């Protein structure tokens, strides 16, 4: 369910698994490995869920930063968390 009325999407578990595995491979190709920290800066969309599950699949820790934060606030959270990658 999106933020706007009538804004919705349906996806099967099989489709979700396929997207998560694809994105987990992208993360691995970027050098993300188990116990690395990743920041996710996205609105509430399907890709946010995919990114979170892909991090969990490879054992990377993730933090979701609310998309309303300023660039300075986002930078502080990335530095404080010791994140190696930002997903937007």
Protein backbone atom coordinates (compact mmCIF):
# COMPACT_ATOMS: atom_id res chain seq x y z
CA UNK A 1 0.00 0.00 0.00
CA UNK A 2 1.37 3.38 -0.99
CA UNK A 3 0.83 6.79 0.55
CA UNK A 4 -1.85 7.80 -1.93
CA UNK A 5 -5.32 6.22 -1.90
CA UNK A 6 -5.51 3.52 -4.53
CA UNK A 7 -1.71 3.33 -4.81
CA UNK A 8 -1.02 -0.36 -4.29
CA UNK A 9 0.92 -3.23 -5.78
CA UNK A 10 0.63 -6.99 -5.56
CA UNK A 11 3.63 -9.30 -5.66
CA UNK A 12 3.92 -13.03 -5.07
CA UNK A 13 6.41 -14.57 -2.65
CA UNK A 14 8.20 -16.09 -5.64
CA UNK A 15 8.57 -12.70 -7.34
CA UNK A 16 9.77 -11.15 -4.08
CA UNK A 17 12.34 -13.91 -3.58
CA UNK A 18 13.63 -13.39 -7.12
CA UNK A 19 14.02 -9.62 -6.59
CA UNK A 20 15.69 -10.12 -3.18
CA UNK A 21 18.20 -12.63 -4.60
CA UNK A 22 18.98 -10.30 -7.51
CA UNK A 23 19.61 -7.37 -5.18
CA UNK A 24 21.64 -9.50 -2.77
CA UNK A 25 23.91 -10.31 -5.72
CA UNK A 26 24.21 -6.58 -6.49
CA UNK A 27 25.20 -5.91 -2.89
CA UNK A 28 27.81 -8.68 -3.02
CA UNK A 29 29.21 -7.26 -6.27
CA UNK A 30 29.63 -3.93 -4.45
CA UNK A 31 31.71 -5.66 -1.80
CA UNK A 32 29.07 -5.86 0.95
CA UNK A 33 29.60 -8.91 3.14
CA UNK A 34 28.32 -10.42 6.37
CA UNK A 35 28.24 -7.97 9.31
CA UNK A 36 28.85 -4.91 7.10
CA UNK A 37 26.55 -1.97 7.77
CA UNK A 38 24.30 -0.51 5.09
CA UNK A 39 22.11 2.62 5.21
CA UNK A 40 18.86 2.68 3.26
CA UNK A 41 17.42 6.10 2.37
CA UNK A 42 14.19 5.43 0.48
CA UNK A 43 10.47 6.16 0.69
CA UNK A 44 7.97 3.41 1.52
CA UNK A 45 8.13 1.52 -1.77
CA UNK A 46 8.62 -2.13 -2.74
CA UNK A 47 12.32 -1.57 -3.38
CA UNK A 48 12.80 -0.61 0.28
CA UNK A 49 11.52 -4.02 1.37
CA UNK A 50 13.68 -5.72 -1.25
CA UNK A 51 16.78 -3.85 -0.03
CA UNK A 52 16.09 -4.71 3.62
CA UNK A 53 15.53 -8.41 2.86
CA UNK A 54 18.61 -8.55 0.59
CA UNK A 55 20.75 -7.16 3.43
CA UNK A 56 19.32 -9.75 5.79
CA UNK A 57 19.89 -12.50 3.22
CA UNK A 58 23.65 -11.85 3.07
CA UNK A 59 23.97 -11.09 6.78
CA UNK A 60 24.59 -7.36 6.45
CA UNK A 61 23.17 -5.05 9.09
CA UNK A 62 20.91 -2.33 7.76
CA UNK A 63 19.43 0.88 9.04
CA UNK A 64 16.52 2.65 7.39
CA UNK A 65 16.75 6.45 7.45
CA UNK A 66 13.47 8.34 7.03
CA UNK A 67 13.41 9.96 3.58
CA UNK A 68 12.53 13.36 5.12
CA UNK A 69 15.94 13.86 6.75
CA UNK A 70 18.28 16.50 5.35
CA UNK A 71 21.59 15.63 3.70
CA UNK A 72 23.50 16.69 6.84
CA UNK A 73 21.36 14.52 9.10
CA UNK A 74 21.75 11.58 6.74
CA UNK A 75 25.53 12.09 6.67
CA UNK A 76 25.69 12.08 10.48
CA UNK A 77 23.74 8.83 10.68
CA UNK A 78 25.96 7.16 8.07
CA UNK A 79 29.13 8.20 9.89
CA UNK A 80 27.79 7.31 13.35
CA UNK A 81 26.65 3.90 12.13
CA UNK A 82 29.89 3.11 10.32
CA UNK A 83 28.00 2.26 7.13
CA UNK A 84 29.91 1.10 4.05
CA UNK A 85 27.09 1.67 1.56
CA UNK A 86 24.07 3.94 1.08
CA UNK A 87 21.11 2.66 -0.90
CA UNK A 88 18.83 5.36 -2.32
